[in-house]
């Protein structure tokens, strides 16, 4: 008859570690932080060098590089959008299209992301801010107007 071997008692440590090892994949995780930038920075020094009525298109391109977008000014569309925002009595508005030529748009966008990944729980937040510079040129290529909307903390 074979000998009966009594069961080996499990150590107390194993009883404590087994449940912890089963829960470990559920509570393990990581945290991620990221920053991304799109477009060239627009400094206050460069903005101060752009003078209405004096700075040329070539000088703007030298200072800021290629714009994000170049748009032909649509006076009719501009007038319609303006009139659509006005309520009440009629408004007669006449703009001479010969006064406007091109519009250069520059934008610097900063995106900050934060993510937490814990087993079955995930949370990601994103914060996006932009600086926008719009430059309007007359038909001779001289700056007619400058629009600046800051939005990032870098400036």
C-alpha atoms as a PDB file:
ATOM      1  CA  UNK A   1       0.000   0.000   0.000  1.00  0.00           C
ATOM      2  CA  UNK A   2       1.366   3.402  -0.946  1.00  0.00           C
ATOM      3  CA  UNK A   3       2.288   5.775   1.761  1.00  0.00           C
ATOM      4  CA  UNK A   4      -0.041   8.677   2.292  1.00  0.00           C
ATOM      5  CA  UNK A   5       1.787  11.958   2.227  1.00  0.00           C
ATOM      6  CA  UNK A   6       0.209  14.589   4.412  1.00  0.00           C
ATOM      7  CA  UNK A   7      -0.534  17.921   2.623  1.00  0.00           C
ATOM      8  CA  UNK A   8       2.124  20.545   2.904  1.00  0.00           C
ATOM      9  CA  UNK A   9       0.746  23.603   4.740  1.00  0.00           C
ATOM     10  CA  UNK A  10       0.840  26.805   2.675  1.00  0.00           C
ATOM     11  CA  UNK A  11       2.801  29.597   4.185  1.00  0.00           C
ATOM     12  CA  UNK A  12       0.820  32.497   5.577  1.00  0.00           C
ATOM     13  CA  UNK A  13       2.635  34.858   3.196  1.00  0.00           C
ATOM     14  CA  UNK A  14       1.219  33.109   0.148  1.00  0.00           C
ATOM     15  CA  UNK A  15      -2.342  33.570   1.459  1.00  0.00           C
ATOM     16  CA  UNK A  16      -1.752  37.297   1.693  1.00  0.00           C
ATOM     17  CA  UNK A  17       0.114  37.713  -1.607  1.00  0.00           C
ATOM     18  CA  UNK A  18      -2.258  35.712  -3.818  1.00  0.00           C
ATOM     19  CA  UNK A  19      -5.184  38.179  -3.621  1.00  0.00           C
ATOM     20  CA  UNK A  20      -2.782  41.112  -3.974  1.00  0.00           C
ATOM     21  CA  UNK A  21      -1.272  39.566  -7.091  1.00  0.00           C
ATOM     22  CA  UNK A  22      -4.738  39.133  -8.582  1.00  0.00           C
ATOM     23  CA  UNK A  23      -5.617  42.791  -7.910  1.00  0.00           C
ATOM     24  CA  UNK A  24      -2.315  44.177  -9.152  1.00  0.00           C
ATOM     25  CA  UNK A  25      -3.308  44.364 -12.854  1.00  0.00           C
ATOM     26  CA  UNK A  26      -6.430  46.302 -11.898  1.00  0.00           C
ATOM     27  CA  UNK A  27      -4.624  48.989  -9.900  1.00  0.00           C
ATOM     28  CA  UNK A  28      -1.407  49.313 -11.876  1.00  0.00           C
ATOM     29  CA  UNK A  29      -1.129  52.123 -14.377  1.00  0.00           C
ATOM     30  CA  UNK A  30       0.724  55.187 -15.447  1.00  0.00           C
ATOM     31  CA  UNK A  31       0.448  58.930 -15.793  1.00  0.00           C
ATOM     32  CA  UNK A  32       1.360  60.748 -19.024  1.00  0.00           C
ATOM     33  CA  UNK A  33       1.978  64.448 -19.536  1.00  0.00           C
ATOM     34  CA  UNK A  34       2.610  65.975 -22.958  1.00  0.00           C
ATOM     35  CA  UNK A  35       3.004  69.347 -24.629  1.00  0.00           C
ATOM     36  CA  UNK A  36       2.829  69.944 -28.368  1.00  0.00           C
ATOM     37  CA  UNK A  37       3.302  73.092 -30.397  1.00  0.00           C
ATOM     38  CA  UNK A  38       2.163  73.905 -33.910  1.00  0.00           C
ATOM     39  CA  UNK A  39       3.292  76.947 -35.856  1.00  0.00           C
ATOM     40  CA  UNK A  40       6.098  79.384 -35.227  1.00  0.00           C
ATOM     41  CA  UNK A  41       6.166  81.505 -32.062  1.00  0.00           C
ATOM     42  CA  UNK A  42       5.123  85.127 -32.560  1.00  0.00           C
ATOM     43  CA  UNK A  43       7.129  87.408 -30.294  1.00  0.00           C
ATOM     44  CA  UNK A  44       6.197  90.891 -29.096  1.00  0.00           C
ATOM     45  CA  UNK A  45       9.416  92.190 -30.714  1.00  0.00           C
ATOM     46  CA  UNK A  46       8.287  90.995 -34.146  1.00  0.00           C
ATOM     47  CA  UNK A  47       4.797  92.458 -33.651  1.00  0.00           C
ATOM     48  CA  UNK A  48       6.295  95.839 -32.758  1.00  0.00           C
ATOM     49  CA  UNK A  49       8.278  95.846 -36.018  1.00  0.00           C
ATOM     50  CA  UNK A  50       5.126  95.591 -38.178  1.00  0.00           C
ATOM     51  CA  UNK A  51       3.899  99.130 -38.887  1.00  0.00           C
ATOM     52  CA  UNK A  52       0.620  99.881 -40.635  1.00  0.00           C
ATOM     53  CA  UNK A  53       1.224 101.899 -43.810  1.00  0.00           C
ATOM     54  CA  UNK A  54       4.994 101.219 -43.858  1.00  0.00           C
ATOM     55  CA  UNK A  55       5.833  97.504 -43.600  1.00  0.00           C
ATOM     56  CA  UNK A  56       5.679  95.587 -46.896  1.00  0.00           C
ATOM     57  CA  UNK A  57       4.545  92.057 -47.673  1.00  0.00           C
ATOM     58  CA  UNK A  58       8.181  91.020 -48.291  1.00  0.00           C
ATOM     59  CA  UNK A  59       9.238  92.379 -44.885  1.00  0.00           C
ATOM     60  CA  UNK A  60       6.408  90.473 -43.167  1.00  0.00           C
ATOM     61  CA  UNK A  61       7.502  87.260 -44.894  1.00  0.00           C
ATOM     62  CA  UNK A  62      11.084  87.905 -43.797  1.00  0.00           C
ATOM     63  CA  UNK A  63      10.014  88.521 -40.176  1.00  0.00           C
ATOM     64  CA  UNK A  64       7.453  85.732 -39.779  1.00  0.00           C
ATOM     65  CA  UNK A  65       8.034  83.267 -42.604  1.00  0.00           C
ATOM     66  CA  UNK A  66       5.240  81.688 -44.605  1.00  0.00           C
ATOM     67  CA  UNK A  67       1.735  82.218 -43.173  1.00  0.00           C
ATOM     68  CA  UNK A  68      -0.584  79.398 -42.199  1.00  0.00           C
ATOM     69  CA  UNK A  69      -3.115  80.695 -44.735  1.00  0.00           C
ATOM     70  CA  UNK A  70      -3.326  83.361 -47.407  1.00  0.00           C
ATOM     71  CA  UNK A  71      -6.830  84.515 -48.237  1.00  0.00           C
ATOM     72  CA  UNK A  72      -8.161  86.880 -50.833  1.00  0.00           C
ATOM     73  CA  UNK A  73     -10.388  89.407 -49.153  1.00  0.00           C
ATOM     74  CA  UNK A  74     -14.029  88.830 -50.094  1.00  0.00           C
ATOM     75  CA  UNK A  75     -15.675  92.211 -49.515  1.00  0.00           C
ATOM     76  CA  UNK A  76     -19.131  90.919 -50.424  1.00  0.00           C
ATOM     77  CA  UNK A  77     -18.892  88.034 -47.935  1.00  0.00           C
ATOM     78  CA  UNK A  78     -17.490  90.369 -45.283  1.00  0.00           C
ATOM     79  CA  UNK A  79     -20.415  92.755 -45.758  1.00  0.00           C
ATOM     80  CA  UNK A  80     -22.973  89.942 -45.607  1.00  0.00           C
ATOM     81  CA  UNK A  81     -21.470  88.556 -42.376  1.00  0.00           C
ATOM     82  CA  UNK A  82     -21.476  92.032 -40.845  1.00  0.00           C
ATOM     83  CA  UNK A  83     -25.100  92.663 -41.820  1.00  0.00           C
ATOM     84  CA  UNK A  84     -26.148  89.242 -40.517  1.00  0.00           C
ATOM     85  CA  UNK A  85     -24.963  90.246 -37.039  1.00  0.00           C
ATOM     86  CA  UNK A  86     -26.892  93.531 -37.002  1.00  0.00           C
ATOM     87  CA  UNK A  87     -30.526  93.393 -35.908  1.00  0.00           C
ATOM     88  CA  UNK A  88     -33.080  96.110 -36.441  1.00  0.00           C
ATOM     89  CA  UNK A  89     -33.175  98.813 -39.111  1.00  0.00           C
ATOM     90  CA  UNK A  90     -31.470  98.456 -42.450  1.00  0.00           C
ATOM     91  CA  UNK A  91     -27.882  99.525 -42.834  1.00  0.00           C
ATOM     92  CA  UNK A  92     -26.316 100.752 -46.055  1.00  0.00           C
ATOM     93  CA  UNK A  93     -22.655  99.868 -46.229  1.00  0.00           C
ATOM     94  CA  UNK A  94     -20.362 100.427 -49.183  1.00  0.00           C
ATOM     95  CA  UNK A  95     -16.803  99.129 -49.237  1.00  0.00           C
ATOM     96  CA  UNK A  96     -14.429  99.619 -52.135  1.00  0.00           C
ATOM     97  CA  UNK A  97     -12.871  96.253 -53.063  1.00  0.00           C
ATOM     98  CA  UNK A  98      -9.865  98.084 -54.543  1.00  0.00           C
ATOM     99  CA  UNK A  99      -8.759  99.004 -51.006  1.00  0.00           C
ATOM    100  CA  UNK A 100      -8.116  95.406 -49.971  1.00  0.00           C
ATOM    101  CA  UNK A 101      -5.916  92.678 -51.415  1.00  0.00           C
ATOM    102  CA  UNK A 102      -4.694  89.753 -49.314  1.00  0.00           C
ATOM    103  CA  UNK A 103      -4.989  88.571 -45.767  1.00  0.00           C
ATOM    104  CA  UNK A 104      -2.134  86.617 -44.107  1.00  0.00           C
ATOM    105  CA  UNK A 105      -3.030  84.449 -41.124  1.00  0.00           C
ATOM    106  CA  UNK A 106      -0.415  83.223 -38.647  1.00  0.00           C
ATOM    107  CA  UNK A 107      -1.268  80.926 -35.751  1.00  0.00           C
ATOM    108  CA  UNK A 108       0.739  79.391 -32.900  1.00  0.00           C
ATOM    109  CA  UNK A 109      -1.097  76.604 -31.087  1.00  0.00           C
ATOM    110  CA  UNK A 110      -0.023  75.054 -27.800  1.00  0.00           C
ATOM    111  CA  UNK A 111      -1.690  71.836 -26.618  1.00  0.00           C
ATOM    112  CA  UNK A 112      -1.177  70.411 -23.121  1.00  0.00           C
ATOM    113  CA  UNK A 113      -2.354  66.869 -22.382  1.00  0.00           C
ATOM    114  CA  UNK A 114      -2.597  64.920 -19.139  1.00  0.00           C
ATOM    115  CA  UNK A 115      -3.590  61.266 -18.951  1.00  0.00           C
ATOM    116  CA  UNK A 116      -4.115  58.759 -16.148  1.00  0.00           C
ATOM    117  CA  UNK A 117      -4.346  55.072 -17.002  1.00  0.00           C
ATOM    118  CA  UNK A 118      -5.248  52.780 -14.066  1.00  0.00           C
ATOM    119  CA  UNK A 119      -6.362  49.292 -15.039  1.00  0.00           C
ATOM    120  CA  UNK A 120      -9.990  49.798 -15.996  1.00  0.00           C
ATOM    121  CA  UNK A 121     -10.003  53.594 -15.422  1.00  0.00           C
ATOM    122  CA  UNK A 122      -8.709  56.053 -18.016  1.00  0.00           C
ATOM    123  CA  UNK A 123      -8.906  59.852 -17.937  1.00  0.00           C
ATOM    124  CA  UNK A 124      -7.369  62.193 -20.493  1.00  0.00           C
ATOM    125  CA  UNK A 125      -7.621  65.976 -20.427  1.00  0.00           C
ATOM    126  CA  UNK A 126      -6.445  68.345 -23.119  1.00  0.00           C
ATOM    127  CA  UNK A 127      -6.043  72.126 -23.065  1.00  0.00           C
ATOM    128  CA  UNK A 128      -5.443  73.997 -26.312  1.00  0.00           C
ATOM    129  CA  UNK A 129      -4.578  77.688 -26.656  1.00  0.00           C
ATOM    130  CA  UNK A 130      -3.699  79.689 -29.755  1.00  0.00           C
ATOM    131  CA  UNK A 131      -2.141  82.992 -30.684  1.00  0.00           C
ATOM    132  CA  UNK A 132      -3.546  84.396 -33.916  1.00  0.00           C
ATOM    133  CA  UNK A 133      -2.059  87.149 -36.046  1.00  0.00           C
ATOM    134  CA  UNK A 134      -3.941  88.476 -39.068  1.00  0.00           C
ATOM    135  CA  UNK A 135      -2.315  90.953 -41.451  1.00  0.00           C
ATOM    136  CA  UNK A 136      -4.270  92.752 -44.176  1.00  0.00           C
ATOM    137  CA  UNK A 137      -2.397  94.130 -47.206  1.00  0.00           C
ATOM    138  CA  UNK A 138      -3.400  96.795 -49.718  1.00  0.00           C
ATOM    139  CA  UNK A 139      -2.984  96.173 -53.483  1.00  0.00           C
ATOM    140  CA  UNK A 140       0.574  97.613 -53.373  1.00  0.00           C
ATOM    141  CA  UNK A 141       1.604  95.033 -50.771  1.00  0.00           C
ATOM    142  CA  UNK A 142       1.812  97.401 -47.796  1.00  0.00           C
ATOM    143  CA  UNK A 143       0.297  96.485 -44.425  1.00  0.00           C
ATOM    144  CA  UNK A 144      -3.180  97.997 -44.141  1.00  0.00           C
ATOM    145  CA  UNK A 145      -4.141  96.473 -40.789  1.00  0.00           C
ATOM    146  CA  UNK A 146      -2.961  94.072 -38.098  1.00  0.00           C
ATOM    147  CA  UNK A 147      -5.122  91.929 -35.823  1.00  0.00           C
ATOM    148  CA  UNK A 148      -3.560  90.187 -32.805  1.00  0.00           C
ATOM    149  CA  UNK A 149      -5.317  87.741 -30.486  1.00  0.00           C
ATOM    150  CA  UNK A 150      -3.014  86.273 -27.815  1.00  0.00           C
ATOM    151  CA  UNK A 151      -3.982  82.998 -26.225  1.00  0.00           C
ATOM    152  CA  UNK A 152      -0.879  81.194 -24.944  1.00  0.00           C
ATOM    153  CA  UNK A 153       1.116  81.859 -21.801  1.00  0.00           C
ATOM    154  CA  UNK A 154       4.423  81.870 -23.698  1.00  0.00           C
ATOM    155  CA  UNK A 155       4.031  85.441 -24.933  1.00  0.00           C
END
